[in-house]
Amino acid sequence: MADLDVTKKLHLYHLLYRLNLSFAAIVRRCREFQQTRRFNSKDLTVYQGLAQELQADINQSLLETIHQNELDDWARFGKVSLAREKELGDPDDVFLLAEERRKQKQKKKSLAANKRK
């Protein structure tokens, strides 16, 4: 899916909501038919299950695409956030990060040496 603007993304989520609302209405109508006791309850239970299975299948397929789009957006907009953090960061943070990295390496070497013993 190509990059979406906020309005198009909202429209997709709204369509998905309306689709699920329609499936909920089908299940609800089947239950209402069951309550009349004029129709085969077992058949109506099967129809509810079939509707919910189809709903789950459609949701899974659509959400797989939407999920990938969200991951792409997260990565793209995360770059904006990282750039801003870098801009606002203290120049001395580089030295703090280097010291932390040195400690991590030292700890790793120490663990490796202990394993060899």
N, C-alpha and C. Protein backbone atom coordinates (compact mmCIF):
# COMPACT_ATOMS: atom_id res chain seq x y z
N MET A 1 0.85 -1.17 0.00
CA MET A 1 0.00 0.00 0.00
C MET A 1 0.90 1.23 0.00
N ALA A 2 0.60 2.15 -0.84
CA ALA A 2 1.40 3.38 -0.92
C ALA A 2 1.16 4.24 0.32
N ASP A 3 2.04 5.22 0.49
CA ASP A 3 1.88 6.13 1.61
C ASP A 3 0.49 6.75 1.58
N LEU A 4 -0.13 6.81 2.75
CA LEU A 4 -1.48 7.35 2.84
C LEU A 4 -1.46 8.63 3.64
N ASP A 5 -2.27 9.60 3.20
CA ASP A 5 -2.40 10.77 4.05
C ASP A 5 -3.38 10.41 5.17
N VAL A 6 -3.46 11.25 6.15
CA VAL A 6 -4.25 10.97 7.34
C VAL A 6 -5.72 10.75 7.00
N THR A 7 -6.26 11.51 6.07
CA THR A 7 -7.67 11.38 5.71
C THR A 7 -7.95 10.04 5.06
N LYS A 8 -7.06 9.60 4.17
CA LYS A 8 -7.26 8.30 3.52
C LYS A 8 -7.12 7.16 4.52
N LYS A 9 -6.18 7.30 5.45
CA LYS A 9 -6.01 6.28 6.48
C LYS A 9 -7.27 6.20 7.35
N LEU A 10 -7.78 7.34 7.74
CA LEU A 10 -9.02 7.38 8.53
C LEU A 10 -10.15 6.70 7.77
N HIS A 11 -10.24 6.95 6.48
CA HIS A 11 -11.29 6.34 5.65
C HIS A 11 -11.16 4.81 5.66
N LEU A 12 -9.93 4.30 5.55
CA LEU A 12 -9.71 2.84 5.59
C LEU A 12 -10.19 2.25 6.91
N TYR A 13 -9.81 2.88 8.01
CA TYR A 13 -10.23 2.37 9.32
C TYR A 13 -11.75 2.47 9.48
N HIS A 14 -12.34 3.52 8.94
CA HIS A 14 -13.79 3.67 9.02
C HIS A 14 -14.48 2.57 8.20
N LEU A 15 -13.95 2.28 7.02
CA LEU A 15 -14.51 1.19 6.21
C LEU A 15 -14.43 -0.14 6.94
N LEU A 16 -13.30 -0.40 7.58
CA LEU A 16 -13.13 -1.64 8.34
C LEU A 16 -14.13 -1.70 9.49
N TYR A 17 -14.31 -0.58 10.17
CA TYR A 17 -15.29 -0.50 11.26
C TYR A 17 -16.69 -0.82 10.74
N ARG A 18 -17.06 -0.21 9.60
CA ARG A 18 -18.40 -0.42 9.05
C ARG A 18 -18.59 -1.87 8.60
N LEU A 19 -17.55 -2.46 8.06
CA LEU A 19 -17.62 -3.86 7.66
C LEU A 19 -17.90 -4.73 8.88
N ASN A 20 -17.15 -4.50 9.96
CA ASN A 20 -17.34 -5.29 11.18
C ASN A 20 -18.69 -5.01 11.82
N LEU A 21 -19.16 -3.79 11.72
CA LEU A 21 -20.49 -3.45 12.21
C LEU A 21 -21.56 -4.24 11.46
N SER A 22 -21.37 -4.40 10.16
CA SER A 22 -22.31 -5.17 9.35
C SER A 22 -22.32 -6.64 9.76
N PHE A 23 -21.15 -7.21 10.01
CA PHE A 23 -21.10 -8.60 10.48
C PHE A 23 -21.77 -8.73 11.85
N ALA A 24 -21.55 -7.76 12.71
CA ALA A 24 -22.20 -7.80 14.02
C ALA A 24 -23.72 -7.78 13.86
N ALA A 25 -24.21 -7.02 12.90
CA ALA A 25 -25.66 -6.96 12.64
C ALA A 25 -26.17 -8.31 12.15
N ILE A 26 -25.41 -8.98 11.30
CA ILE A 26 -25.82 -10.30 10.81
C ILE A 26 -25.94 -11.28 11.97
N VAL A 27 -24.94 -11.30 12.83
CA VAL A 27 -24.96 -12.21 13.98
C VAL A 27 -26.13 -11.87 14.90
N ARG A 28 -26.34 -10.60 15.11
CA ARG A 28 -27.44 -10.15 15.97
C ARG A 28 -28.80 -10.57 15.38
N ARG A 29 -28.96 -10.41 14.06
CA ARG A 29 -30.22 -10.80 13.42
C ARG A 29 -30.44 -12.31 13.54
N CYS A 30 -29.38 -13.09 13.38
CA CYS A 30 -29.51 -14.55 13.54
C CYS A 30 -30.00 -14.89 14.94
N ARG A 31 -29.45 -14.22 15.94
CA ARG A 31 -29.88 -14.46 17.33
C ARG A 31 -31.35 -14.07 17.53
N GLU A 32 -31.74 -12.97 16.90
CA GLU A 32 -33.13 -12.53 17.00
C GLU A 32 -34.06 -13.56 16.35
N PHE A 33 -33.65 -14.13 15.21
CA PHE A 33 -34.44 -15.18 14.59
C PHE A 33 -34.54 -16.39 15.52
N GLN A 34 -33.44 -16.72 16.20
CA GLN A 34 -33.46 -17.85 17.13
C GLN A 34 -34.47 -17.60 18.26
N GLN A 35 -34.53 -16.39 18.74
CA GLN A 35 -35.42 -16.06 19.85
C GLN A 35 -36.89 -16.18 19.48
N THR A 36 -37.23 -16.12 18.20
CA THR A 36 -38.62 -16.28 17.80
C THR A 36 -39.07 -17.73 17.93
N ARG A 37 -38.11 -18.63 17.97
CA ARG A 37 -38.36 -20.07 18.08
C ARG A 37 -39.18 -20.62 16.89
N ARG A 38 -39.17 -19.92 15.78
CA ARG A 38 -39.89 -20.36 14.58
C ARG A 38 -38.93 -20.95 13.54
N PHE A 39 -37.64 -20.81 13.77
CA PHE A 39 -36.65 -21.27 12.81
C PHE A 39 -35.72 -22.27 13.49
N ASN A 40 -35.04 -23.05 12.68
CA ASN A 40 -34.12 -24.06 13.19
C ASN A 40 -32.93 -23.37 13.88
N SER A 41 -32.86 -23.52 15.19
CA SER A 41 -31.83 -22.86 15.99
C SER A 41 -30.43 -23.34 15.62
N LYS A 42 -30.32 -24.64 15.30
CA LYS A 42 -29.02 -25.20 14.94
C LYS A 42 -28.51 -24.56 13.65
N ASP A 43 -29.39 -24.40 12.67
CA ASP A 43 -28.99 -23.76 11.40
C ASP A 43 -28.54 -22.32 11.64
N LEU A 44 -29.30 -21.61 12.45
CA LEU A 44 -28.96 -20.21 12.71
C LEU A 44 -27.63 -20.08 13.45
N THR A 45 -27.33 -21.04 14.32
CA THR A 45 -26.04 -21.05 15.01
C THR A 45 -24.91 -21.27 13.99
N VAL A 46 -25.16 -22.16 13.03
CA VAL A 46 -24.17 -22.41 11.97
C VAL A 46 -23.96 -21.14 11.15
N TYR A 47 -25.05 -20.46 10.79
CA TYR A 47 -24.94 -19.23 10.00
C TYR A 47 -24.13 -18.16 10.76
N GLN A 48 -24.37 -18.06 12.05
CA GLN A 48 -23.60 -17.11 12.87
C GLN A 48 -22.12 -17.45 12.81
N GLY A 49 -21.81 -18.72 12.96
CA GLY A 49 -20.42 -19.16 12.92
C GLY A 49 -19.77 -18.90 11.57
N LEU A 50 -20.52 -19.17 10.50
CA LEU A 50 -19.99 -18.92 9.16
C LEU A 50 -19.73 -17.43 8.94
N ALA A 51 -20.66 -16.62 9.40
CA ALA A 51 -20.49 -15.16 9.26
C ALA A 51 -19.26 -14.70 10.03
N GLN A 52 -19.09 -15.21 11.24
CA GLN A 52 -17.96 -14.78 12.06
C GLN A 52 -16.63 -15.32 11.51
N GLU A 53 -16.67 -16.51 10.92
CA GLU A 53 -15.46 -17.04 10.29
C GLU A 53 -15.07 -16.18 9.09
N LEU A 54 -16.05 -15.82 8.26
CA LEU A 54 -15.78 -14.96 7.11
C LEU A 54 -15.27 -13.59 7.57
N GLN A 55 -15.88 -13.07 8.62
CA GLN A 55 -15.44 -11.78 9.18
C GLN A 55 -13.97 -11.86 9.60
N ALA A 56 -13.63 -12.90 10.31
CA ALA A 56 -12.24 -13.07 10.77
C ALA A 56 -11.28 -13.20 9.60
N ASP A 57 -11.68 -13.94 8.57
CA ASP A 57 -10.84 -14.12 7.40
C ASP A 57 -10.62 -12.79 6.68
N ILE A 58 -11.68 -12.04 6.48
CA ILE A 58 -11.57 -10.74 5.81
C ILE A 58 -10.71 -9.80 6.65
N ASN A 59 -10.98 -9.74 7.97
CA ASN A 59 -10.20 -8.86 8.85
C ASN A 59 -8.72 -9.21 8.80
N GLN A 60 -8.41 -10.48 8.86
CA GLN A 60 -7.01 -10.91 8.85
C GLN A 60 -6.33 -10.43 7.57
N SER A 61 -6.99 -10.61 6.46
CA SER A 61 -6.41 -10.22 5.18
C SER A 61 -6.23 -8.70 5.09
N LEU A 62 -7.26 -7.95 5.45
CA LEU A 62 -7.18 -6.50 5.36
C LEU A 62 -6.18 -5.93 6.38
N LEU A 63 -6.21 -6.47 7.59
CA LEU A 63 -5.33 -5.95 8.63
C LEU A 63 -3.86 -6.25 8.37
N GLU A 64 -3.60 -7.33 7.65
CA GLU A 64 -2.22 -7.63 7.29
C GLU A 64 -1.64 -6.48 6.45
N THR A 65 -2.42 -6.00 5.51
CA THR A 65 -1.99 -4.89 4.67
C THR A 65 -1.90 -3.60 5.48
N ILE A 66 -2.91 -3.35 6.29
CA ILE A 66 -2.93 -2.13 7.11
C ILE A 66 -1.76 -2.14 8.09
N HIS A 67 -1.48 -3.30 8.67
CA HIS A 67 -0.38 -3.42 9.63
C HIS A 67 0.95 -3.05 8.97
N GLN A 68 1.17 -3.53 7.75
CA GLN A 68 2.41 -3.20 7.05
C GLN A 68 2.50 -1.70 6.80
N ASN A 69 1.38 -1.10 6.45
CA ASN A 69 1.35 0.34 6.24
C ASN A 69 1.70 1.09 7.52
N GLU A 70 1.18 0.62 8.65
CA GLU A 70 1.48 1.25 9.94
C GLU A 70 2.96 1.11 10.28
N LEU A 71 3.53 -0.06 10.00
CA LEU A 71 4.96 -0.25 10.26
C LEU A 71 5.80 0.69 9.40
N ASP A 72 5.40 0.85 8.15
CA ASP A 72 6.11 1.78 7.26
C ASP A 72 6.02 3.22 7.78
N ASP A 73 4.81 3.60 8.22
CA ASP A 73 4.62 4.95 8.78
C ASP A 73 5.46 5.14 10.03
N TRP A 74 5.48 4.12 10.88
CA TRP A 74 6.22 4.19 12.13
C TRP A 74 7.70 4.42 11.84
N ALA A 75 8.22 3.68 10.86
CA ALA A 75 9.63 3.84 10.50
C ALA A 75 9.89 5.24 9.92
N ARG A 76 9.00 5.67 9.03
CA ARG A 76 9.19 6.97 8.38
C ARG A 76 9.09 8.11 9.39
N PHE A 77 8.06 8.09 10.22
CA PHE A 77 7.88 9.18 11.18
C PHE A 77 8.87 9.08 12.34
N GLY A 78 9.36 7.88 12.60
CA GLY A 78 10.38 7.71 13.61
C GLY A 78 11.66 8.44 13.25
N LYS A 79 11.94 8.53 11.96
CA LYS A 79 13.11 9.27 11.51
C LYS A 79 13.00 10.75 11.86
N VAL A 80 11.80 11.27 11.77
CA VAL A 80 11.57 12.67 12.14
C VAL A 80 11.86 12.86 13.62
N SER A 81 11.37 11.94 14.42
CA SER A 81 11.57 12.01 15.87
C SER A 81 13.05 11.90 16.22
N LEU A 82 13.74 10.96 15.58
CA LEU A 82 15.18 10.79 15.86
C LEU A 82 15.98 12.03 15.46
N ALA A 83 15.61 12.61 14.32
CA ALA A 83 16.30 13.83 13.88
C ALA A 83 16.10 14.95 14.89
N ARG A 84 14.90 15.06 15.41
CA ARG A 84 14.61 16.11 16.40
C ARG A 84 15.38 15.85 17.69
N GLU A 85 15.43 14.60 18.14
CA GLU A 85 16.19 14.27 19.35
C GLU A 85 17.67 14.59 19.16
N LYS A 86 18.18 14.29 17.98
CA LYS A 86 19.58 14.58 17.69
C LYS A 86 19.83 16.08 17.72
N GLU A 87 18.89 16.84 17.16
CA GLU A 87 19.00 18.29 17.13
C GLU A 87 18.99 18.87 18.55
N LEU A 88 18.16 18.30 19.40
CA LEU A 88 18.04 18.81 20.77
C LEU A 88 19.05 18.22 21.73
N GLY A 89 19.73 17.16 21.30
CA GLY A 89 20.64 16.45 22.18
C GLY A 89 21.85 17.28 22.61
N ASP A 90 22.35 16.92 23.75
CA ASP A 90 23.54 17.55 24.31
C ASP A 90 24.76 16.97 23.60
N PRO A 91 25.67 17.82 23.11
CA PRO A 91 26.87 17.30 22.44
C PRO A 91 27.67 16.35 23.32
N ASP A 92 27.59 16.51 24.63
CA ASP A 92 28.33 15.63 25.53
C ASP A 92 27.70 14.24 25.63
N ASP A 93 26.47 14.08 25.10
CA ASP A 93 25.83 12.76 25.12
C ASP A 93 26.67 11.73 24.37
N VAL A 94 27.41 12.18 23.36
CA VAL A 94 28.27 11.28 22.59
C VAL A 94 29.29 10.63 23.50
N PHE A 95 29.84 11.39 24.41
CA PHE A 95 30.84 10.85 25.34
C PHE A 95 30.21 9.88 26.33
N LEU A 96 29.00 10.19 26.77
CA LEU A 96 28.28 9.29 27.68
C LEU A 96 27.96 7.96 26.99
N LEU A 97 27.52 8.04 25.74
CA LEU A 97 27.22 6.82 24.98
C LEU A 97 28.49 6.00 24.73
N ALA A 98 29.58 6.67 24.44
CA ALA A 98 30.84 5.97 24.22
C ALA A 98 31.29 5.26 25.50
N GLU A 99 31.13 5.91 26.63
CA GLU A 99 31.51 5.30 27.92
C GLU A 99 30.64 4.08 28.20
N GLU A 100 29.35 4.19 27.94
CA GLU A 100 28.43 3.07 28.14
C GLU A 100 28.81 1.90 27.23
N ARG A 101 29.13 2.20 25.99
CA ARG A 101 29.53 1.16 25.04
C ARG A 101 30.82 0.48 25.48
N ARG A 102 31.77 1.27 26.00
CA ARG A 102 33.03 0.71 26.49
C ARG A 102 32.76 -0.26 27.64
N LYS A 103 31.86 0.11 28.53
CA LYS A 103 31.52 -0.76 29.67
C LYS A 103 30.86 -2.05 29.20
N GLN A 104 30.00 -1.94 28.19
CA GLN A 104 29.34 -3.14 27.65
C GLN A 104 30.36 -4.10 27.05
N LYS A 105 31.30 -3.56 26.30
CA LYS A 105 32.35 -4.39 25.69
C LYS A 105 33.20 -5.06 26.76
N GLN A 106 33.53 -4.30 27.79
CA GLN A 106 34.35 -4.84 28.87
C GLN A 106 33.60 -5.97 29.57
N LYS A 107 32.34 -5.80 29.82
CA LYS A 107 31.53 -6.82 30.48
C LYS A 107 31.45 -8.07 29.60
N LYS A 108 31.29 -7.88 28.29
CA LYS A 108 31.21 -8.99 27.36
C LYS A 108 32.52 -9.77 27.35
N LYS A 109 33.64 -9.08 27.34
CA LYS A 109 34.95 -9.74 27.38
C LYS A 109 35.12 -10.52 28.67
N SER A 110 34.67 -9.94 29.77
CA SER A 110 34.79 -10.58 31.07
C SER A 110 33.95 -11.87 31.11
N LEU A 111 32.75 -11.82 30.56
CA LEU A 111 31.89 -13.01 30.53
C LEU A 111 32.52 -14.09 29.65
N ALA A 112 33.09 -13.71 28.53
CA ALA A 112 33.73 -14.66 27.62
C ALA A 112 34.93 -15.32 28.30
N ALA A 113 35.69 -14.53 29.04
CA ALA A 113 36.86 -15.06 29.74
C ALA A 113 36.43 -16.04 30.82
N ASN A 114 35.35 -15.75 31.52
CA ASN A 114 34.84 -16.64 32.56
C ASN A 114 34.33 -17.96 31.98
N LYS A 115 33.78 -17.91 30.78
CA LYS A 115 33.28 -19.14 30.14
C LYS A 115 34.43 -20.06 29.74
N ARG A 116 35.56 -19.46 29.39
CA ARG A 116 36.71 -20.27 28.97
C ARG A 116 37.36 -20.97 30.16
N LYS A 117 37.14 -20.47 31.34
CA LYS A 117 37.80 -21.07 32.54
C LYS A 117 37.20 -22.36 32.94
